[in-house]
Amino acid sequence: MASAAARPARVAASAGAGPQDQITPHWFAGNARFWYRNDLAAGAREFVAVDTTKATRGPAFDHKRLAAALAKAIGKDVPADKLPFDLIALDDHAKAVRFKVGDTLWKCDLPNVPPESTFRLADALIRAGKDFDFVVAPNANHGMGGAYGQRRMLDFFVRHLKGAEPPDRNDVTTGGR
């Protein structure tokens, strides 16, 4: 059996997948899984995930939920079958999806926090003119992001509550003190 890395760059679409006759797989999870965009009639499309070890195929994420959250965040209607991005990135466990709309990179934490909660919070802070830091901590499993997340949180408090500048931990002359 050929390894996933040796598989052809284009794979024939499964029956009923839509009007296209080929898909382009985007491999992840050690080449055991891939996602593809299925272009449908009238400009509609869907993002599909395939697990080759389990022989399963289904939506890469909840398109309606993500569309509703994104619409609320950007203040425009976003149809679930016409999401405003062409590419996504899924983490190895398909627990988060990343995509770009315009110049903004978005991350949707799929099982833990409904994306609309994160988008509503960011939107409210922006509308209120508040500064905030949005820190992505991969594989933190909805935690604080380990030592890095802890440091970023403390730096934020020093800067915004104490009104001082935290140490420059990137300054090699002081050793970050």
N, C-alpha and C. Protein backbone atom coordinates (compact mmCIF):
# COMPACT_ATOMS: atom_id res chain seq x y z
N MET A 1 0.85 -1.18 0.00
CA MET A 1 0.00 0.00 0.00
C MET A 1 0.89 1.24 0.00
N ALA A 2 0.59 2.20 -0.86
CA ALA A 2 1.37 3.43 -0.96
C ALA A 2 1.10 4.31 0.25
N SER A 3 2.12 5.01 0.69
CA SER A 3 1.93 5.94 1.81
C SER A 3 1.12 7.13 1.34
N ALA A 4 0.54 7.84 2.31
CA ALA A 4 -0.28 9.01 1.97
C ALA A 4 0.53 10.04 1.22
N ALA A 5 1.81 10.18 1.58
CA ALA A 5 2.65 11.18 0.93
C ALA A 5 2.87 10.83 -0.54
N ALA A 6 2.77 9.54 -0.88
CA ALA A 6 3.00 9.13 -2.25
C ALA A 6 1.72 9.11 -3.08
N ARG A 7 0.61 9.41 -2.45
CA ARG A 7 -0.67 9.40 -3.16
C ARG A 7 -0.71 10.53 -4.18
N PRO A 8 -1.50 10.38 -5.23
CA PRO A 8 -1.55 11.44 -6.24
C PRO A 8 -2.05 12.75 -5.66
N ALA A 9 -1.64 13.84 -6.28
CA ALA A 9 -2.01 15.17 -5.80
C ALA A 9 -3.49 15.44 -5.98
N ARG A 10 -4.11 14.78 -6.93
CA ARG A 10 -5.55 14.95 -7.13
C ARG A 10 -6.21 13.60 -7.01
N VAL A 11 -7.36 13.56 -6.39
CA VAL A 11 -8.07 12.31 -6.14
C VAL A 11 -9.43 12.41 -6.78
N ALA A 12 -9.88 11.37 -7.42
CA ALA A 12 -11.21 11.39 -8.02
C ALA A 12 -12.26 11.56 -6.93
N ALA A 13 -13.25 12.39 -7.18
CA ALA A 13 -14.30 12.64 -6.20
C ALA A 13 -15.20 11.42 -6.07
N SER A 14 -15.76 11.24 -4.89
CA SER A 14 -16.67 10.12 -4.68
C SER A 14 -18.01 10.43 -5.33
N ALA A 15 -18.77 9.40 -5.58
CA ALA A 15 -20.06 9.56 -6.22
C ALA A 15 -20.94 10.47 -5.39
N GLY A 16 -21.63 11.37 -6.04
CA GLY A 16 -22.54 12.28 -5.36
C GLY A 16 -21.85 13.44 -4.69
N ALA A 17 -20.56 13.62 -4.89
CA ALA A 17 -19.84 14.69 -4.21
C ALA A 17 -20.14 16.06 -4.81
N GLY A 18 -20.67 16.12 -6.01
CA GLY A 18 -20.99 17.40 -6.62
C GLY A 18 -20.62 17.40 -8.08
N PRO A 19 -20.72 18.56 -8.73
CA PRO A 19 -20.50 18.62 -10.17
C PRO A 19 -19.04 18.47 -10.59
N GLN A 20 -18.10 18.70 -9.69
CA GLN A 20 -16.70 18.58 -10.10
C GLN A 20 -16.32 17.11 -10.22
N ASP A 21 -15.37 16.82 -11.08
CA ASP A 21 -14.97 15.44 -11.25
C ASP A 21 -13.64 15.14 -10.60
N GLN A 22 -13.00 16.13 -9.98
CA GLN A 22 -11.78 15.90 -9.21
C GLN A 22 -11.74 16.82 -8.01
N ILE A 23 -11.07 16.36 -6.98
CA ILE A 23 -10.87 17.18 -5.78
C ILE A 23 -9.38 17.31 -5.53
N THR A 24 -9.02 18.31 -4.75
CA THR A 24 -7.62 18.49 -4.35
C THR A 24 -7.54 18.26 -2.84
N PRO A 25 -6.91 17.17 -2.41
CA PRO A 25 -6.83 16.89 -0.97
C PRO A 25 -5.77 17.76 -0.29
N HIS A 26 -6.06 18.16 0.92
CA HIS A 26 -5.13 18.90 1.77
C HIS A 26 -4.91 18.02 2.99
N TRP A 27 -3.78 17.32 3.02
CA TRP A 27 -3.50 16.30 4.02
C TRP A 27 -3.12 16.92 5.37
N PHE A 28 -3.53 16.24 6.43
CA PHE A 28 -3.12 16.59 7.79
C PHE A 28 -3.19 15.33 8.64
N ALA A 29 -2.89 15.44 9.92
CA ALA A 29 -2.91 14.30 10.84
C ALA A 29 -1.98 13.18 10.36
N GLY A 30 -0.74 13.57 10.04
CA GLY A 30 0.23 12.58 9.61
C GLY A 30 -0.15 11.88 8.32
N ASN A 31 -0.81 12.59 7.44
CA ASN A 31 -1.27 12.06 6.15
C ASN A 31 -2.28 10.93 6.29
N ALA A 32 -3.01 10.91 7.42
CA ALA A 32 -4.07 9.93 7.60
C ALA A 32 -5.43 10.55 7.27
N ARG A 33 -5.50 11.89 7.26
CA ARG A 33 -6.76 12.59 6.99
C ARG A 33 -6.50 13.69 5.97
N PHE A 34 -7.55 14.08 5.27
CA PHE A 34 -7.45 15.23 4.39
C PHE A 34 -8.80 15.93 4.32
N TRP A 35 -8.75 17.19 3.93
CA TRP A 35 -9.96 17.94 3.67
C TRP A 35 -9.91 18.40 2.22
N TYR A 36 -11.06 18.69 1.67
CA TYR A 36 -11.14 19.27 0.33
C TYR A 36 -12.36 20.17 0.26
N ARG A 37 -12.32 21.11 -0.68
CA ARG A 37 -13.45 21.99 -0.93
C ARG A 37 -14.24 21.38 -2.07
N ASN A 38 -15.51 21.18 -1.84
CA ASN A 38 -16.39 20.62 -2.85
C ASN A 38 -17.18 21.77 -3.48
N ASP A 39 -16.86 22.13 -4.72
CA ASP A 39 -17.56 23.19 -5.43
C ASP A 39 -18.84 22.64 -6.02
N LEU A 40 -19.96 23.22 -5.63
CA LEU A 40 -21.28 22.75 -6.03
C LEU A 40 -21.90 23.71 -7.04
N ALA A 41 -23.11 23.44 -7.42
CA ALA A 41 -23.82 24.28 -8.40
C ALA A 41 -24.11 25.66 -7.81
N ALA A 42 -24.25 26.64 -8.68
CA ALA A 42 -24.65 28.01 -8.33
C ALA A 42 -23.70 28.68 -7.34
N GLY A 43 -22.43 28.33 -7.39
CA GLY A 43 -21.44 28.98 -6.54
C GLY A 43 -21.40 28.47 -5.11
N ALA A 44 -22.23 27.51 -4.78
CA ALA A 44 -22.21 26.94 -3.43
C ALA A 44 -21.00 26.02 -3.30
N ARG A 45 -20.60 25.83 -2.07
CA ARG A 45 -19.48 24.92 -1.82
C ARG A 45 -19.52 24.45 -0.37
N GLU A 46 -18.80 23.36 -0.14
CA GLU A 46 -18.70 22.82 1.20
C GLU A 46 -17.29 22.33 1.42
N PHE A 47 -16.89 22.30 2.69
CA PHE A 47 -15.59 21.78 3.06
C PHE A 47 -15.81 20.41 3.69
N VAL A 48 -15.11 19.41 3.18
CA VAL A 48 -15.33 18.03 3.57
C VAL A 48 -14.04 17.46 4.14
N ALA A 49 -14.16 16.67 5.21
CA ALA A 49 -13.01 15.99 5.80
C ALA A 49 -13.15 14.49 5.58
N VAL A 50 -12.03 13.86 5.26
CA VAL A 50 -12.00 12.41 5.04
C VAL A 50 -10.95 11.81 5.97
N ASP A 51 -11.35 10.76 6.68
CA ASP A 51 -10.43 10.02 7.53
C ASP A 51 -10.16 8.70 6.82
N THR A 52 -8.95 8.53 6.30
CA THR A 52 -8.64 7.34 5.51
C THR A 52 -8.49 6.10 6.38
N THR A 53 -8.18 6.26 7.66
CA THR A 53 -8.03 5.09 8.53
C THR A 53 -9.39 4.54 8.96
N LYS A 54 -10.38 5.43 9.08
CA LYS A 54 -11.72 5.00 9.49
C LYS A 54 -12.67 4.87 8.30
N ALA A 55 -12.20 5.27 7.11
CA ALA A 55 -13.01 5.25 5.89
C ALA A 55 -14.30 6.05 6.09
N THR A 56 -14.15 7.28 6.64
CA THR A 56 -15.31 8.14 6.85
C THR A 56 -15.13 9.45 6.07
N ARG A 57 -16.26 10.04 5.73
CA ARG A 57 -16.29 11.32 5.01
C ARG A 57 -17.46 12.12 5.56
N GLY A 58 -17.22 13.41 5.85
CA GLY A 58 -18.30 14.25 6.35
C GLY A 58 -17.87 15.70 6.36
N PRO A 59 -18.75 16.59 6.80
CA PRO A 59 -18.39 18.01 6.85
C PRO A 59 -17.14 18.22 7.70
N ALA A 60 -16.26 19.11 7.25
CA ALA A 60 -15.04 19.40 8.00
C ALA A 60 -15.35 20.15 9.29
N PHE A 61 -16.50 20.85 9.30
CA PHE A 61 -16.95 21.61 10.47
C PHE A 61 -18.41 21.92 10.26
N ASP A 62 -19.05 22.49 11.26
CA ASP A 62 -20.45 22.88 11.17
C ASP A 62 -20.54 24.19 10.39
N HIS A 63 -20.85 24.10 9.11
CA HIS A 63 -20.87 25.26 8.22
C HIS A 63 -21.88 26.32 8.68
N LYS A 64 -23.06 25.89 9.12
CA LYS A 64 -24.09 26.85 9.55
C LYS A 64 -23.66 27.60 10.80
N ARG A 65 -23.10 26.89 11.75
CA ARG A 65 -22.66 27.52 12.99
C ARG A 65 -21.54 28.52 12.73
N LEU A 66 -20.57 28.13 11.92
CA LEU A 66 -19.47 29.02 11.62
C LEU A 66 -19.96 30.24 10.83
N ALA A 67 -20.86 30.02 9.86
CA ALA A 67 -21.39 31.14 9.07
C ALA A 67 -22.14 32.13 9.96
N ALA A 68 -22.94 31.63 10.89
CA ALA A 68 -23.69 32.52 11.79
C ALA A 68 -22.75 33.33 12.67
N ALA A 69 -21.72 32.68 13.20
CA ALA A 69 -20.76 33.38 14.06
C ALA A 69 -19.97 34.41 13.28
N LEU A 70 -19.54 34.06 12.08
CA LEU A 70 -18.78 34.99 11.26
C LEU A 70 -19.65 36.17 10.84
N ALA A 71 -20.89 35.91 10.47
CA ALA A 71 -21.81 36.99 10.09
C ALA A 71 -21.98 37.99 11.22
N LYS A 72 -22.12 37.48 12.42
CA LYS A 72 -22.27 38.37 13.58
C LYS A 72 -21.01 39.19 13.80
N ALA A 73 -19.85 38.57 13.60
CA ALA A 73 -18.58 39.26 13.85
C ALA A 73 -18.28 40.32 12.81
N ILE A 74 -18.62 40.07 11.54
CA ILE A 74 -18.27 41.03 10.48
C ILE A 74 -19.44 41.93 10.09
N GLY A 75 -20.63 41.66 10.63
CA GLY A 75 -21.78 42.51 10.37
C GLY A 75 -22.36 42.39 8.98
N LYS A 76 -22.16 41.25 8.34
CA LYS A 76 -22.72 40.99 7.01
C LYS A 76 -23.28 39.58 6.99
N ASP A 77 -24.27 39.37 6.12
CA ASP A 77 -24.83 38.04 5.95
C ASP A 77 -23.77 37.12 5.36
N VAL A 78 -23.64 35.93 5.92
CA VAL A 78 -22.70 34.93 5.43
C VAL A 78 -23.46 33.63 5.24
N PRO A 79 -23.82 33.30 4.00
CA PRO A 79 -24.52 32.03 3.77
C PRO A 79 -23.60 30.84 4.07
N ALA A 80 -24.14 29.83 4.72
CA ALA A 80 -23.34 28.67 5.10
C ALA A 80 -22.80 27.91 3.90
N ASP A 81 -23.49 28.01 2.76
CA ASP A 81 -23.01 27.30 1.56
C ASP A 81 -22.14 28.18 0.66
N LYS A 82 -21.87 29.41 1.10
CA LYS A 82 -21.01 30.32 0.33
C LYS A 82 -20.08 31.08 1.27
N LEU A 83 -19.36 30.34 2.10
CA LEU A 83 -18.44 30.96 3.05
C LEU A 83 -17.39 31.77 2.29
N PRO A 84 -16.97 32.92 2.84
CA PRO A 84 -16.09 33.84 2.11
C PRO A 84 -14.60 33.50 2.15
N PHE A 85 -14.28 32.23 2.08
CA PHE A 85 -12.88 31.82 2.03
C PHE A 85 -12.78 30.55 1.20
N ASP A 86 -11.58 30.36 0.62
CA ASP A 86 -11.35 29.21 -0.26
C ASP A 86 -10.56 28.10 0.42
N LEU A 87 -9.73 28.47 1.38
CA LEU A 87 -8.84 27.52 2.04
C LEU A 87 -9.07 27.53 3.53
N ILE A 88 -8.83 26.38 4.15
CA ILE A 88 -8.88 26.28 5.60
C ILE A 88 -7.63 25.54 6.06
N ALA A 89 -7.38 25.58 7.34
CA ALA A 89 -6.34 24.75 7.95
C ALA A 89 -6.98 24.10 9.16
N LEU A 90 -6.91 22.78 9.22
CA LEU A 90 -7.42 22.03 10.36
C LEU A 90 -6.24 21.52 11.16
N ASP A 91 -6.35 21.58 12.49
CA ASP A 91 -5.29 20.98 13.29
C ASP A 91 -5.41 19.46 13.18
N ASP A 92 -4.44 18.73 13.70
CA ASP A 92 -4.41 17.28 13.50
C ASP A 92 -5.61 16.54 14.06
N HIS A 93 -6.28 17.10 15.03
CA HIS A 93 -7.42 16.43 15.62
C HIS A 93 -8.74 17.06 15.18
N ALA A 94 -8.67 17.96 14.20
CA ALA A 94 -9.84 18.67 13.68
C ALA A 94 -10.62 19.35 14.80
N LYS A 95 -9.89 19.90 15.78
CA LYS A 95 -10.54 20.61 16.87
C LYS A 95 -10.56 22.11 16.63
N ALA A 96 -9.85 22.57 15.62
CA ALA A 96 -9.82 24.00 15.29
C ALA A 96 -9.68 24.15 13.79
N VAL A 97 -10.33 25.16 13.27
CA VAL A 97 -10.21 25.49 11.84
C VAL A 97 -9.74 26.93 11.75
N ARG A 98 -8.80 27.18 10.86
CA ARG A 98 -8.29 28.53 10.62
C ARG A 98 -8.61 28.90 9.18
N PHE A 99 -8.92 30.19 8.96
CA PHE A 99 -9.24 30.67 7.63
C PHE A 99 -9.00 32.17 7.58
N LYS A 100 -8.96 32.71 6.38
CA LYS A 100 -8.70 34.14 6.22
C LYS A 100 -9.86 34.76 5.45
N VAL A 101 -10.38 35.86 5.99
CA VAL A 101 -11.41 36.65 5.32
C VAL A 101 -10.85 38.06 5.19
N GLY A 102 -10.65 38.51 3.95
CA GLY A 102 -9.98 39.79 3.74
C GLY A 102 -8.56 39.72 4.26
N ASP A 103 -8.20 40.65 5.12
CA ASP A 103 -6.87 40.66 5.71
C ASP A 103 -6.84 40.06 7.12
N THR A 104 -7.97 39.51 7.57
CA THR A 104 -8.07 39.01 8.93
C THR A 104 -7.99 37.49 8.96
N LEU A 105 -7.10 36.99 9.79
CA LEU A 105 -7.01 35.55 10.03
C LEU A 105 -7.94 35.20 11.19
N TRP A 106 -8.73 34.17 11.02
CA TRP A 106 -9.67 33.74 12.04
C TRP A 106 -9.32 32.33 12.48
N LYS A 107 -9.60 32.04 13.74
CA LYS A 107 -9.47 30.67 14.24
C LYS A 107 -10.75 30.33 14.97
N CYS A 108 -11.30 29.19 14.66
CA CYS A 108 -12.52 28.73 15.30
C CYS A 108 -12.20 27.46 16.06
N ASP A 109 -12.30 27.51 17.38
CA ASP A 109 -12.07 26.36 18.24
C ASP A 109 -13.36 25.54 18.22
N LEU A 110 -13.38 24.46 17.50
CA LEU A 110 -14.61 23.76 17.18
C LEU A 110 -15.33 23.11 18.35
N PRO A 111 -14.70 22.23 19.13
CA PRO A 111 -15.49 21.55 20.16
C PRO A 111 -15.62 22.29 21.48
N ASN A 112 -14.69 23.19 21.81
CA ASN A 112 -14.67 23.77 23.14
C ASN A 112 -15.54 25.00 23.30
N VAL A 113 -15.28 26.00 22.52
CA VAL A 113 -15.98 27.27 22.65
C VAL A 113 -16.74 27.52 21.36
N PRO A 114 -18.03 27.78 21.47
CA PRO A 114 -18.73 28.14 20.23
C PRO A 114 -18.03 29.34 19.61
N PRO A 115 -17.71 29.29 18.31
CA PRO A 115 -16.95 30.40 17.71
C PRO A 115 -17.66 31.73 17.86
N GLU A 116 -18.99 31.71 17.90
CA GLU A 116 -19.70 32.98 18.02
C GLU A 116 -19.37 33.68 19.34
N SER A 117 -19.04 32.94 20.38
CA SER A 117 -18.65 33.56 21.65
C SER A 117 -17.35 34.34 21.49
N THR A 118 -16.36 33.73 20.87
CA THR A 118 -15.08 34.40 20.64
C THR A 118 -15.26 35.59 19.73
N PHE A 119 -16.02 35.42 18.64
CA PHE A 119 -16.24 36.51 17.68
C PHE A 119 -17.02 37.65 18.33
N ARG A 120 -18.03 37.33 19.16
CA ARG A 120 -18.81 38.38 19.83
C ARG A 120 -17.93 39.19 20.78
N LEU A 121 -17.07 38.49 21.52
CA LEU A 121 -16.18 39.18 22.45
C LEU A 121 -15.23 40.10 21.70
N ALA A 122 -14.58 39.60 20.65
CA ALA A 122 -13.66 40.43 19.87
C ALA A 122 -14.40 41.62 19.26
N ASP A 123 -15.59 41.38 18.71
CA ASP A 123 -16.37 42.45 18.11
C ASP A 123 -16.75 43.52 19.15
N ALA A 124 -17.16 43.09 20.33
CA ALA A 124 -17.54 44.05 21.39
C ALA A 124 -16.34 44.88 21.83
N LEU A 125 -15.19 44.25 21.97
CA LEU A 125 -13.98 44.99 22.36
C LEU A 125 -13.58 45.99 21.29
N ILE A 126 -13.67 45.60 20.03
CA ILE A 126 -13.33 46.51 18.94
C ILE A 126 -14.30 47.68 18.90
N ARG A 127 -15.61 47.39 18.99
CA ARG A 127 -16.62 48.46 18.95
C ARG A 127 -16.45 49.43 20.13
N ALA A 128 -15.99 48.91 21.27
CA ALA A 128 -15.79 49.76 22.45
C ALA A 128 -14.45 50.48 22.42
N GLY A 129 -13.65 50.23 21.38
CA GLY A 129 -12.35 50.90 21.26
C GLY A 129 -11.34 50.39 22.27
N LYS A 130 -11.51 49.18 22.74
CA LYS A 130 -10.61 48.62 23.76
C LYS A 130 -9.46 47.86 23.10
N ASP A 131 -8.30 48.00 23.69
CA ASP A 131 -7.15 47.20 23.26
C ASP A 131 -7.28 45.82 23.87
N PHE A 132 -6.93 44.83 23.10
CA PHE A 132 -6.89 43.47 23.63
C PHE A 132 -5.87 42.67 22.85
N ASP A 133 -5.40 41.62 23.48
CA ASP A 133 -4.48 40.70 22.82
C ASP A 133 -5.22 39.39 22.62
N PHE A 134 -5.19 38.89 21.42
CA PHE A 134 -5.77 37.60 21.11
C PHE A 134 -4.61 36.64 20.89
N VAL A 135 -4.42 35.73 21.81
CA VAL A 135 -3.27 34.83 21.77
C VAL A 135 -3.76 33.42 21.43
N VAL A 136 -3.15 32.84 20.42
CA VAL A 136 -3.46 31.47 20.04
C VAL A 136 -2.40 30.57 20.65
N ALA A 137 -2.84 29.59 21.41
CA ALA A 137 -1.94 28.63 22.04
C ALA A 137 -2.31 27.24 21.55
N PRO A 138 -1.66 26.78 20.48
CA PRO A 138 -2.01 25.46 19.92
C PRO A 138 -1.87 24.35 20.96
N ASN A 139 -2.77 23.41 20.88
CA ASN A 139 -2.78 22.23 21.75
C ASN A 139 -2.89 22.54 23.23
N ALA A 140 -3.45 23.70 23.58
CA ALA A 140 -3.62 24.05 24.99
C ALA A 140 -4.91 23.46 25.56
N ASN A 141 -5.71 22.87 24.69
CA ASN A 141 -6.95 22.23 25.12
C ASN A 141 -7.80 23.13 26.01
N HIS A 142 -8.01 24.33 25.54
CA HIS A 142 -8.83 25.33 26.23
C HIS A 142 -8.21 25.76 27.55
N GLY A 143 -6.90 25.60 27.67
CA GLY A 143 -6.20 26.01 28.88
C GLY A 143 -5.55 27.37 28.69
N MET A 144 -4.62 27.67 29.55
CA MET A 144 -3.96 28.98 29.56
C MET A 144 -2.81 29.10 28.57
N GLY A 145 -2.43 28.02 27.92
CA GLY A 145 -1.33 28.10 26.96
C GLY A 145 0.02 27.87 27.59
N GLY A 146 0.05 27.20 28.73
CA GLY A 146 1.32 26.87 29.38
C GLY A 146 2.06 28.11 29.86
N ALA A 147 3.38 27.99 29.93
CA ALA A 147 4.21 29.09 30.42
C ALA A 147 4.09 30.32 29.52
N TYR A 148 3.99 30.10 28.21
CA TYR A 148 3.87 31.22 27.28
C TYR A 148 2.57 31.99 27.53
N GLY A 149 1.46 31.28 27.64
CA GLY A 149 0.17 31.93 27.89
C GLY A 149 0.16 32.65 29.22
N GLN A 150 0.76 32.05 30.23
CA GLN A 150 0.84 32.68 31.55
C GLN A 150 1.64 33.99 31.48
N ARG A 151 2.78 33.94 30.79
CA ARG A 151 3.61 35.14 30.65
C ARG A 151 2.87 36.24 29.90
N ARG A 152 2.19 35.87 28.81
CA ARG A 152 1.44 36.88 28.04
C ARG A 152 0.33 37.50 28.88
N MET A 153 -0.35 36.69 29.69
CA MET A 153 -1.42 37.21 30.53
C MET A 153 -0.84 38.18 31.57
N LEU A 154 0.26 37.80 32.22
CA LEU A 154 0.87 38.68 33.22
C LEU A 154 1.36 39.98 32.59
N ASP A 155 1.98 39.89 31.41
CA ASP A 155 2.42 41.10 30.70
C ASP A 155 1.24 42.01 30.39
N PHE A 156 0.13 41.44 30.00
CA PHE A 156 -1.06 42.24 29.70
C PHE A 156 -1.52 42.98 30.95
N PHE A 157 -1.57 42.28 32.10
CA PHE A 157 -1.99 42.91 33.34
C PHE A 157 -1.02 44.02 33.76
N VAL A 158 0.27 43.77 33.64
CA VAL A 158 1.26 44.80 33.99
C VAL A 158 1.03 46.03 33.12
N ARG A 159 0.86 45.82 31.84
CA ARG A 159 0.72 46.93 30.89
C ARG A 159 -0.59 47.69 31.10
N HIS A 160 -1.71 46.96 31.25
CA HIS A 160 -3.01 47.62 31.23
C HIS A 160 -3.61 47.90 32.61
N LEU A 161 -3.19 47.20 33.63
CA LEU A 161 -3.70 47.48 34.97
C LEU A 161 -2.72 48.26 35.82
N LYS A 162 -1.45 47.92 35.70
CA LYS A 162 -0.43 48.61 36.48
C LYS A 162 0.08 49.86 35.75
N GLY A 163 -0.11 49.90 34.44
CA GLY A 163 0.33 51.06 33.67
C GLY A 163 1.83 51.11 33.46
N ALA A 164 2.48 49.96 33.50
CA ALA A 164 3.93 49.89 33.31
C ALA A 164 4.23 48.96 32.14
N GLU A 165 5.47 49.03 31.70
CA GLU A 165 5.89 48.13 30.62
C GLU A 165 6.51 46.88 31.23
N PRO A 166 6.08 45.71 30.80
CA PRO A 166 6.71 44.49 31.30
C PRO A 166 8.12 44.36 30.75
N PRO A 167 8.94 43.49 31.32
CA PRO A 167 10.30 43.33 30.82
C PRO A 167 10.30 42.86 29.37
N ASP A 168 11.28 43.29 28.61
CA ASP A 168 11.45 42.84 27.23
C ASP A 168 12.20 41.52 27.25
N ARG A 169 11.47 40.44 27.18
CA ARG A 169 12.07 39.10 27.29
C ARG A 169 12.84 38.72 26.03
N ASN A 170 12.75 39.54 25.01
CA ASN A 170 13.51 39.30 23.78
C ASN A 170 14.83 40.07 23.75
N ASP A 171 15.07 40.89 24.77
CA ASP A 171 16.29 41.69 24.83
C ASP A 171 17.43 40.81 25.33
N VAL A 172 18.34 40.48 24.42
CA VAL A 172 19.45 39.58 24.79
C VAL A 172 20.48 40.26 25.68
N THR A 173 20.51 41.58 25.71
CA THR A 173 21.52 42.28 26.53
C THR A 173 21.16 42.23 28.01
N THR A 174 19.87 42.13 28.34
CA THR A 174 19.47 42.10 29.76
C THR A 174 19.01 40.72 30.19
N GLY A 175 18.94 39.81 29.25
CA GLY A 175 18.45 38.48 29.60
C GLY A 175 16.96 38.47 29.88
N GLY A 176 16.24 39.49 29.38
CA GLY A 176 14.80 39.55 29.54
C GLY A 176 14.35 40.04 30.90
N ARG A 177 15.23 40.72 31.64
CA ARG A 177 14.84 41.23 32.97
C ARG A 177 14.54 42.69 32.92
